[in-house]
Amino acid sequence: MCFASDLSSENVLLARVSELEARAQHLDLLYRTRLADVQAVTQHLWTLQAAVAAASAGQDGLNGTVSGALPPSPNGAPALPQLAAEVRSRS
């Protein structure tokens, strides 16, 4: 009977290890997605900073420079309308 108990314990441990591996893979995917979002936002900010610097130096100005320079929003953009509504409701 001791042998059956060992197999049962081993199966439980193997199932737990498999579950933890799946969670680790999911968290890695989330991390990589968030990292890409941060890199995209950073790029947006650099672009915006360059446009503001150009405008303050008397170059092309903000008209057209900023609107034409901003790439699409990062993956978190779908949540922004909900956040904006929440902020407005608190005001």
PDB file of N, CA and C in Angstrom:
ATOM      1  N   MET A   1       0.805  -1.191   0.000  1.00  0.00           N
ATOM      2  CA  MET A   1       0.000   0.000   0.000  1.00  0.00           C
ATOM      3  C   MET A   1       0.851   1.259   0.000  1.00  0.00           C
ATOM      4  N   CYS A   2       2.004   1.191   0.491  1.00  0.00           N
ATOM      5  CA  CYS A   2       2.891   2.347   0.530  1.00  0.00           C
ATOM      6  C   CYS A   2       3.242   2.789  -0.883  1.00  0.00           C
ATOM      7  N   PHE A   3       3.335   1.806  -1.792  1.00  0.00           N
ATOM      8  CA  PHE A   3       3.669   2.095  -3.180  1.00  0.00           C
ATOM      9  C   PHE A   3       2.572   2.912  -3.858  1.00  0.00           C
ATOM     10  N   ALA A   4       1.312   2.586  -3.626  1.00  0.00           N
ATOM     11  CA  ALA A   4       0.179   3.319  -4.212  1.00  0.00           C
ATOM     12  C   ALA A   4       0.144   4.748  -3.683  1.00  0.00           C
ATOM     13  N   SER A   5       0.452   4.930  -2.435  1.00  0.00           N
ATOM     14  CA  SER A   5       0.470   6.258  -1.837  1.00  0.00           C
ATOM     15  C   SER A   5       1.557   7.121  -2.467  1.00  0.00           C
ATOM     16  N   ASP A   6       2.718   6.514  -2.723  1.00  0.00           N
ATOM     17  CA  ASP A   6       3.809   7.250  -3.362  1.00  0.00           C
ATOM     18  C   ASP A   6       3.425   7.704  -4.773  1.00  0.00           C
ATOM     19  N   LEU A   7       2.752   6.830  -5.525  1.00  0.00           N
ATOM     20  CA  LEU A   7       2.310   7.195  -6.877  1.00  0.00           C
ATOM     21  C   LEU A   7       1.278   8.313  -6.828  1.00  0.00           C
ATOM     22  N   SER A   8       0.386   8.254  -5.878  1.00  0.00           N
ATOM     23  CA  SER A   8      -0.626   9.291  -5.743  1.00  0.00           C
ATOM     24  C   SER A   8       0.021  10.640  -5.414  1.00  0.00           C
ATOM     25  N   SER A   9       0.966  10.625  -4.499  1.00  0.00           N
ATOM     26  CA  SER A   9       1.684  11.855  -4.146  1.00  0.00           C
ATOM     27  C   SER A   9       2.464  12.397  -5.338  1.00  0.00           C
ATOM     28  N   GLU A  10       3.064  11.489  -6.074  1.00  0.00           N
ATOM     29  CA  GLU A  10       3.829  11.904  -7.248  1.00  0.00           C
ATOM     30  C   GLU A  10       2.909  12.533  -8.294  1.00  0.00           C
ATOM     31  N   ASN A  11       1.739  11.944  -8.496  1.00  0.00           N
ATOM     32  CA  ASN A  11       0.782  12.490  -9.463  1.00  0.00           C
ATOM     33  C   ASN A  11       0.303  13.871  -9.043  1.00  0.00           C
ATOM     34  N   VAL A  12       0.071  14.064  -7.754  1.00  0.00           N
ATOM     35  CA  VAL A  12      -0.345  15.367  -7.250  1.00  0.00           C
ATOM     36  C   VAL A  12       0.755  16.395  -7.492  1.00  0.00           C
ATOM     37  N   LEU A  13       1.988  16.008  -7.202  1.00  0.00           N
ATOM     38  CA  LEU A  13       3.113  16.918  -7.415  1.00  0.00           C
ATOM     39  C   LEU A  13       3.301  17.249  -8.891  1.00  0.00           C
ATOM     40  N   LEU A  14       3.181  16.237  -9.747  1.00  0.00           N
ATOM     41  CA  LEU A  14       3.320  16.481 -11.188  1.00  0.00           C
ATOM     42  C   LEU A  14       2.221  17.419 -11.696  1.00  0.00           C
ATOM     43  N   ALA A  15       1.001  17.243 -11.196  1.00  0.00           N
ATOM     44  CA  ALA A  15      -0.087  18.128 -11.605  1.00  0.00           C
ATOM     45  C   ALA A  15       0.181  19.555 -11.142  1.00  0.00           C
ATOM     46  N   ARG A  16       0.691  19.698  -9.936  1.00  0.00           N
ATOM     47  CA  ARG A  16       0.992  21.033  -9.403  1.00  0.00           C
ATOM     48  C   ARG A  16       2.119  21.701 -10.193  1.00  0.00           C
ATOM     49  N   VAL A  17       3.152  20.938 -10.515  1.00  0.00           N
ATOM     50  CA  VAL A  17       4.261  21.482 -11.315  1.00  0.00           C
ATOM     51  C   VAL A  17       3.756  21.913 -12.682  1.00  0.00           C
ATOM     52  N   SER A  18       2.891  21.113 -13.280  1.00  0.00           N
ATOM     53  CA  SER A  18       2.329  21.460 -14.583  1.00  0.00           C
ATOM     54  C   SER A  18       1.505  22.745 -14.486  1.00  0.00           C
ATOM     55  N   GLU A  19       0.711  22.871 -13.433  1.00  0.00           N
ATOM     56  CA  GLU A  19      -0.084  24.080 -13.222  1.00  0.00           C
ATOM     57  C   GLU A  19       0.813  25.306 -13.047  1.00  0.00           C
ATOM     58  N   LEU A  20       1.877  25.162 -12.271  1.00  0.00           N
ATOM     59  CA  LEU A  20       2.793  26.284 -12.048  1.00  0.00           C
ATOM     60  C   LEU A  20       3.538  26.674 -13.323  1.00  0.00           C
ATOM     61  N   GLU A  21       3.884  25.691 -14.146  1.00  0.00           N
ATOM     62  CA  GLU A  21       4.534  25.993 -15.427  1.00  0.00           C
ATOM     63  C   GLU A  21       3.588  26.793 -16.332  1.00  0.00           C
ATOM     64  N   ALA A  22       2.333  26.402 -16.370  1.00  0.00           N
ATOM     65  CA  ALA A  22       1.354  27.115 -17.198  1.00  0.00           C
ATOM     66  C   ALA A  22       1.178  28.549 -16.691  1.00  0.00           C
ATOM     67  N   ARG A  23       1.106  28.721 -15.381  1.00  0.00           N
ATOM     68  CA  ARG A  23       0.973  30.070 -14.819  1.00  0.00           C
ATOM     69  C   ARG A  23       2.203  30.913 -15.125  1.00  0.00           C
ATOM     70  N   ALA A  24       3.387  30.307 -15.035  1.00  0.00           N
ATOM     71  CA  ALA A  24       4.617  31.034 -15.324  1.00  0.00           C
ATOM     72  C   ALA A  24       4.649  31.480 -16.791  1.00  0.00           C
ATOM     73  N   GLN A  25       4.205  30.619 -17.690  1.00  0.00           N
ATOM     74  CA  GLN A  25       4.163  30.983 -19.108  1.00  0.00           C
ATOM     75  C   GLN A  25       3.181  32.132 -19.334  1.00  0.00           C
ATOM     76  N   HIS A  26       2.031  32.076 -18.666  1.00  0.00           N
ATOM     77  CA  HIS A  26       1.041  33.138 -18.799  1.00  0.00           C
ATOM     78  C   HIS A  26       1.592  34.464 -18.271  1.00  0.00           C
ATOM     79  N   LEU A  27       2.235  34.421 -17.117  1.00  0.00           N
ATOM     80  CA  LEU A  27       2.805  35.640 -16.548  1.00  0.00           C
ATOM     81  C   LEU A  27       3.923  36.191 -17.429  1.00  0.00           C
ATOM     82  N   ASP A  28       4.707  35.317 -18.036  1.00  0.00           N
ATOM     83  CA  ASP A  28       5.753  35.773 -18.948  1.00  0.00           C
ATOM     84  C   ASP A  28       5.144  36.483 -20.153  1.00  0.00           C
ATOM     85  N   LEU A  29       4.054  35.935 -20.671  1.00  0.00           N
ATOM     86  CA  LEU A  29       3.367  36.570 -21.794  1.00  0.00           C
ATOM     87  C   LEU A  29       2.834  37.941 -21.391  1.00  0.00           C
ATOM     88  N   LEU A  30       2.220  38.031 -20.200  1.00  0.00           N
ATOM     89  CA  LEU A  30       1.739  39.321 -19.723  1.00  0.00           C
ATOM     90  C   LEU A  30       2.880  40.317 -19.561  1.00  0.00           C
ATOM     91  N   TYR A  31       3.991  39.860 -19.007  1.00  0.00           N
ATOM     92  CA  TYR A  31       5.156  40.729 -18.820  1.00  0.00           C
ATOM     93  C   TYR A  31       5.647  41.258 -20.157  1.00  0.00           C
ATOM     94  N   ARG A  32       5.775  40.381 -21.130  1.00  0.00           N
ATOM     95  CA  ARG A  32       6.269  40.804 -22.447  1.00  0.00           C
ATOM     96  C   ARG A  32       5.304  41.791 -23.112  1.00  0.00           C
ATOM     97  N   THR A  33       4.002  41.569 -22.938  1.00  0.00           N
ATOM     98  CA  THR A  33       3.002  42.486 -23.491  1.00  0.00           C
ATOM     99  C   THR A  33       3.117  43.861 -22.840  1.00  0.00           C
ATOM    100  N   ARG A  34       3.237  43.873 -21.519  1.00  0.00           N
ATOM    101  CA  ARG A  34       3.362  45.150 -20.793  1.00  0.00           C
ATOM    102  C   ARG A  34       4.667  45.851 -21.151  1.00  0.00           C
ATOM    103  N   LEU A  35       5.721  45.094 -21.322  1.00  0.00           N
ATOM    104  CA  LEU A  35       7.003  45.674 -21.715  1.00  0.00           C
ATOM    105  C   LEU A  35       6.882  46.342 -23.085  1.00  0.00           C
ATOM    106  N   ALA A  36       6.208  45.680 -24.007  1.00  0.00           N
ATOM    107  CA  ALA A  36       5.994  46.276 -25.332  1.00  0.00           C
ATOM    108  C   ALA A  36       5.148  47.543 -25.215  1.00  0.00           C
ATOM    109  N   ASP A  37       4.139  47.527 -24.337  1.00  0.00           N
ATOM    110  CA  ASP A  37       3.314  48.720 -24.124  1.00  0.00           C
ATOM    111  C   ASP A  37       4.152  49.876 -23.584  1.00  0.00           C
ATOM    112  N   VAL A  38       5.004  49.586 -22.617  1.00  0.00           N
ATOM    113  CA  VAL A  38       5.863  50.635 -22.039  1.00  0.00           C
ATOM    114  C   VAL A  38       6.803  51.183 -23.103  1.00  0.00           C
ATOM    115  N   GLN A  39       7.350  50.322 -23.933  1.00  0.00           N
ATOM    116  CA  GLN A  39       8.240  50.783 -24.996  1.00  0.00           C
ATOM    117  C   GLN A  39       7.486  51.656 -25.997  1.00  0.00           C
ATOM    118  N   ALA A  40       6.240  51.293 -26.304  1.00  0.00           N
ATOM    119  CA  ALA A  40       5.446  52.098 -27.236  1.00  0.00           C
ATOM    120  C   ALA A  40       5.128  53.463 -26.627  1.00  0.00           C
ATOM    121  N   VAL A  41       4.753  53.483 -25.359  1.00  0.00           N
ATOM    122  CA  VAL A  41       4.452  54.760 -24.698  1.00  0.00           C
ATOM    123  C   VAL A  41       5.707  55.621 -24.621  1.00  0.00           C
ATOM    124  N   THR A  42       6.832  55.002 -24.324  1.00  0.00           N
ATOM    125  CA  THR A  42       8.095  55.737 -24.280  1.00  0.00           C
ATOM    126  C   THR A  42       8.393  56.366 -25.637  1.00  0.00           C
ATOM    127  N   GLN A  43       8.170  55.605 -26.696  1.00  0.00           N
ATOM    128  CA  GLN A  43       8.386  56.142 -28.045  1.00  0.00           C
ATOM    129  C   GLN A  43       7.435  57.303 -28.319  1.00  0.00           C
ATOM    130  N   HIS A  44       6.173  57.179 -27.892  1.00  0.00           N
ATOM    131  CA  HIS A  44       5.209  58.273 -28.060  1.00  0.00           C
ATOM    132  C   HIS A  44       5.709  59.527 -27.349  1.00  0.00           C
ATOM    133  N   LEU A  45       6.198  59.350 -26.139  1.00  0.00           N
ATOM    134  CA  LEU A  45       6.671  60.505 -25.369  1.00  0.00           C
ATOM    135  C   LEU A  45       7.884  61.155 -26.013  1.00  0.00           C
ATOM    136  N   TRP A  46       8.802  60.358 -26.525  1.00  0.00           N
ATOM    137  CA  TRP A  46       9.971  60.930 -27.211  1.00  0.00           C
ATOM    138  C   TRP A  46       9.542  61.712 -28.443  1.00  0.00           C
ATOM    139  N   THR A  47       8.584  61.160 -29.183  1.00  0.00           N
ATOM    140  CA  THR A  47       8.076  61.838 -30.374  1.00  0.00           C
ATOM    141  C   THR A  47       7.415  63.155 -29.995  1.00  0.00           C
ATOM    142  N   LEU A  48       6.596  63.113 -28.953  1.00  0.00           N
ATOM    143  CA  LEU A  48       5.924  64.321 -28.491  1.00  0.00           C
ATOM    144  C   LEU A  48       6.927  65.352 -27.984  1.00  0.00           C
ATOM    145  N   GLN A  49       7.932  64.899 -27.256  1.00  0.00           N
ATOM    146  CA  GLN A  49       8.960  65.809 -26.746  1.00  0.00           C
ATOM    147  C   GLN A  49       9.704  66.473 -27.902  1.00  0.00           C
ATOM    148  N   ALA A  50      10.002  65.702 -28.924  1.00  0.00           N
ATOM    149  CA  ALA A  50      10.696  66.270 -30.083  1.00  0.00           C
ATOM    150  C   ALA A  50       9.819  67.305 -30.784  1.00  0.00           C
ATOM    151  N   ALA A  51       8.510  67.028 -30.876  1.00  0.00           N
ATOM    152  CA  ALA A  51       7.606  67.975 -31.522  1.00  0.00           C
ATOM    153  C   ALA A  51       7.503  69.273 -30.714  1.00  0.00           C
ATOM    154  N   VAL A  52       7.443  69.156 -29.407  1.00  0.00           N
ATOM    155  CA  VAL A  52       7.366  70.340 -28.553  1.00  0.00           C
ATOM    156  C   VAL A  52       8.669  71.129 -28.640  1.00  0.00           C
ATOM    157  N   ALA A  53       9.787  70.436 -28.648  1.00  0.00           N
ATOM    158  CA  ALA A  53      11.084  71.113 -28.763  1.00  0.00           C
ATOM    159  C   ALA A  53      11.179  71.858 -30.096  1.00  0.00           C
ATOM    160  N   ALA A  54      10.690  71.228 -31.161  1.00  0.00           N
ATOM    161  CA  ALA A  54      10.719  71.873 -32.478  1.00  0.00           C
ATOM    162  C   ALA A  54       9.828  73.107 -32.487  1.00  0.00           C
ATOM    163  N   ALA A  55       8.680  73.006 -31.833  1.00  0.00           N
ATOM    164  CA  ALA A  55       7.758  74.138 -31.789  1.00  0.00           C
ATOM    165  C   ALA A  55       8.344  75.291 -30.975  1.00  0.00           C
ATOM    166  N   SER A  56       8.971  74.960 -29.871  1.00  0.00           N
ATOM    167  CA  SER A  56       9.521  76.023 -29.033  1.00  0.00           C
ATOM    168  C   SER A  56      10.747  76.660 -29.671  1.00  0.00           C
ATOM    169  N   ALA A  57      11.370  75.973 -30.598  1.00  0.00           N
ATOM    170  CA  ALA A  57      12.522  76.531 -31.299  1.00  0.00           C
ATOM    171  C   ALA A  57      12.082  77.370 -32.508  1.00  0.00           C
ATOM    172  N   GLY A  58      10.755  77.505 -32.673  1.00  0.00           N
ATOM    173  CA  GLY A  58      10.252  78.331 -33.763  1.00  0.00           C
ATOM    174  C   GLY A  58      10.158  77.600 -35.076  1.00  0.00           C
ATOM    175  N   GLN A  59      10.334  76.296 -35.046  1.00  0.00           N
ATOM    176  CA  GLN A  59      10.219  75.534 -36.287  1.00  0.00           C
ATOM    177  C   GLN A  59       8.757  75.292 -36.597  1.00  0.00           C
ATOM    178  N   ASP A  60       8.433  74.285 -37.266  1.00  0.00           N
ATOM    179  CA  ASP A  60       7.123  73.977 -37.845  1.00  0.00           C
ATOM    180  C   ASP A  60       5.943  74.251 -36.911  1.00  0.00           C
ATOM    181  N   GLY A  61       6.124  74.362 -35.639  1.00  0.00           N
ATOM    182  CA  GLY A  61       5.020  74.566 -34.699  1.00  0.00           C
ATOM    183  C   GLY A  61       4.317  73.260 -34.393  1.00  0.00           C
ATOM    184  N   LEU A  62       3.327  73.350 -33.521  1.00  0.00           N
ATOM    185  CA  LEU A  62       2.618  72.130 -33.135  1.00  0.00           C
ATOM    186  C   LEU A  62       1.579  71.716 -34.160  1.00  0.00           C
ATOM    187  N   ASN A  63       1.117  72.620 -35.014  1.00  0.00           N
ATOM    188  CA  ASN A  63       0.098  72.260 -35.997  1.00  0.00           C
ATOM    189  C   ASN A  63       0.644  71.244 -36.983  1.00  0.00           C
ATOM    190  N   GLY A  64       0.055  70.085 -36.980  1.00  0.00           N
ATOM    191  CA  GLY A  64       0.468  69.039 -37.912  1.00  0.00           C
ATOM    192  C   GLY A  64       1.631  68.221 -37.406  1.00  0.00           C
ATOM    193  N   THR A  65       2.551  68.808 -36.668  1.00  0.00           N
ATOM    194  CA  THR A  65       3.729  68.070 -36.224  1.00  0.00           C
ATOM    195  C   THR A  65       3.342  66.981 -35.231  1.00  0.00           C
ATOM    196  N   VAL A  66       2.560  67.360 -34.238  1.00  0.00           N
ATOM    197  CA  VAL A  66       2.189  66.385 -33.211  1.00  0.00           C
ATOM    198  C   VAL A  66       1.188  65.385 -33.754  1.00  0.00           C
ATOM    199  N   SER A  67       0.142  65.874 -34.413  1.00  0.00           N
ATOM    200  CA  SER A  67      -0.902  64.951 -34.872  1.00  0.00           C
ATOM    201  C   SER A  67      -0.357  63.977 -35.906  1.00  0.00           C
ATOM    202  N   GLY A  68       0.569  64.396 -36.729  1.00  0.00           N
ATOM    203  CA  GLY A  68       1.122  63.489 -37.728  1.00  0.00           C
ATOM    204  C   GLY A  68       2.190  62.582 -37.182  1.00  0.00           C
ATOM    205  N   ALA A  69       2.723  62.885 -36.002  1.00  0.00           N
ATOM    206  CA  ALA A  69       3.844  62.118 -35.478  1.00  0.00           C
ATOM    207  C   ALA A  69       3.426  61.031 -34.506  1.00  0.00           C
ATOM    208  N   LEU A  70       2.193  61.080 -34.010  1.00  0.00           N
ATOM    209  CA  LEU A  70       1.800  60.115 -32.983  1.00  0.00           C
ATOM    210  C   LEU A  70       1.347  58.802 -33.603  1.00  0.00           C
ATOM    211  N   PRO A  71       2.014  57.711 -33.264  1.00  0.00           N
ATOM    212  CA  PRO A  71       1.596  56.393 -33.747  1.00  0.00           C
ATOM    213  C   PRO A  71       0.366  55.922 -32.982  1.00  0.00           C
ATOM    214  N   PRO A  72      -0.220  54.784 -33.358  1.00  0.00           N
ATOM    215  CA  PRO A  72      -1.416  54.305 -32.671  1.00  0.00           C
ATOM    216  C   PRO A  72      -1.157  54.008 -31.195  1.00  0.00           C
ATOM    217  N   SER A  73      -2.225  54.000 -30.422  1.00  0.00           N
ATOM    218  CA  SER A  73      -2.125  53.771 -28.979  1.00  0.00           C
ATOM    219  C   SER A  73      -1.668  52.350 -28.665  1.00  0.00           C
ATOM    220  N   PRO A  74      -1.059  52.140 -27.482  1.00  0.00           N
ATOM    221  CA  PRO A  74      -0.655  50.792 -27.085  1.00  0.00           C
ATOM    222  C   PRO A  74      -1.864  49.938 -26.723  1.00  0.00           C
ATOM    223  N   ASN A  75      -1.627  48.683 -26.362  1.00  0.00           N
ATOM    224  CA  ASN A  75      -2.699  47.721 -26.098  1.00  0.00           C
ATOM    225  C   ASN A  75      -3.637  48.131 -24.978  1.00  0.00           C
ATOM    226  N   GLY A  76      -3.231  48.970 -24.060  1.00  0.00           N
ATOM    227  CA  GLY A  76      -4.075  49.363 -22.950  1.00  0.00           C
ATOM    228  C   GLY A  76      -5.146  50.361 -23.331  1.00  0.00           C
ATOM    229  N   ALA A  77      -5.147  50.845 -24.561  1.00  0.00           N
ATOM    230  CA  ALA A  77      -6.074  51.890 -24.987  1.00  0.00           C
ATOM    231  C   ALA A  77      -7.550  51.541 -24.820  1.00  0.00           C
ATOM    232  N   PRO A  78      -7.999  50.293 -25.008  1.00  0.00           N
ATOM    233  CA  PRO A  78      -9.429  50.022 -24.834  1.00  0.00           C
ATOM    234  C   PRO A  78      -9.942  50.335 -23.428  1.00  0.00           C
ATOM    235  N   ALA A  79      -9.096  50.323 -22.430  1.00  0.00           N
ATOM    236  CA  ALA A  79      -9.521  50.597 -21.058  1.00  0.00           C
ATOM    237  C   ALA A  79      -9.632  52.097 -20.785  1.00  0.00           C
ATOM    238  N   LEU A  80      -9.073  52.929 -21.630  1.00  0.00           N
ATOM    239  CA  LEU A  80      -9.048  54.360 -21.374  1.00  0.00           C
ATOM    240  C   LEU A  80     -10.431  55.004 -21.289  1.00  0.00           C
ATOM    241  N   PRO A  81     -11.403  54.685 -22.149  1.00  0.00           N
ATOM    242  CA  PRO A  81     -12.721  55.305 -22.004  1.00  0.00           C
ATOM    243  C   PRO A  81     -13.360  54.992 -20.647  1.00  0.00           C
ATOM    244  N   GLN A  82     -13.181  53.778 -20.159  1.00  0.00           N
ATOM    245  CA  GLN A  82     -13.740  53.407 -18.860  1.00  0.00           C
ATOM    246  C   GLN A  82     -13.071  54.210 -17.753  1.00  0.00           C
ATOM    247  N   LEU A  83     -11.758  54.363 -17.835  1.00  0.00           N
ATOM    248  CA  LEU A  83     -11.048  55.130 -16.823  1.00  0.00           C
ATOM    249  C   LEU A  83     -11.459  56.595 -16.851  1.00  0.00           C
ATOM    250  N   ALA A  84     -11.625  57.146 -18.036  1.00  0.00           N
ATOM    251  CA  ALA A  84     -12.038  58.541 -18.160  1.00  0.00           C
ATOM    252  C   ALA A  84     -13.426  58.734 -17.563  1.00  0.00           C
ATOM    253  N   ALA A  85     -14.341  57.818 -17.799  1.00  0.00           N
ATOM    254  CA  ALA A  85     -15.688  57.915 -17.242  1.00  0.00           C
ATOM    255  C   ALA A  85     -15.642  57.837 -15.724  1.00  0.00           C
ATOM    256  N   GLU A  86     -14.778  56.975 -15.207  1.00  0.00           N
ATOM    257  CA  GLU A  86     -14.639  56.855 -13.748  1.00  0.00           C
ATOM    258  C   GLU A  86     -14.108  58.149 -13.137  1.00  0.00           C
ATOM    259  N   VAL A  87     -13.129  58.754 -13.790  1.00  0.00           N
ATOM    260  CA  VAL A  87     -12.580  60.012 -13.298  1.00  0.00           C
ATOM    261  C   VAL A  87     -13.628  61.104 -13.314  1.00  0.00           C
ATOM    262  N   ARG A  88     -14.394  61.184 -14.405  1.00  0.00           N
ATOM    263  CA  ARG A  88     -15.453  62.197 -14.503  1.00  0.00           C
ATOM    264  C   ARG A  88     -16.516  61.995 -13.432  1.00  0.00           C
ATOM    265  N   SER A  89     -16.836  60.744 -13.111  1.00  0.00           N
ATOM    266  CA  SER A  89     -17.862  60.487 -12.106  1.00  0.00           C
ATOM    267  C   SER A  89     -17.405  60.866 -10.719  1.00  0.00           C
ATOM    268  N   ARG A  90     -16.111  60.852 -10.480  1.00  0.00           N
ATOM    269  CA  ARG A  90     -15.562  61.245  -9.170  1.00  0.00           C
ATOM    270  C   ARG A  90     -15.507  62.752  -9.003  1.00  0.00           C
ATOM    271  N   SER A  91     -15.512  63.484 -10.103  1.00  0.00           N
ATOM    272  CA  SER A  91     -15.399  64.954 -10.043  1.00  0.00           C
ATOM    273  C   SER A  91     -16.685  65.606  -9.641  1.00  0.00           C
TER     274      SER A  91
END
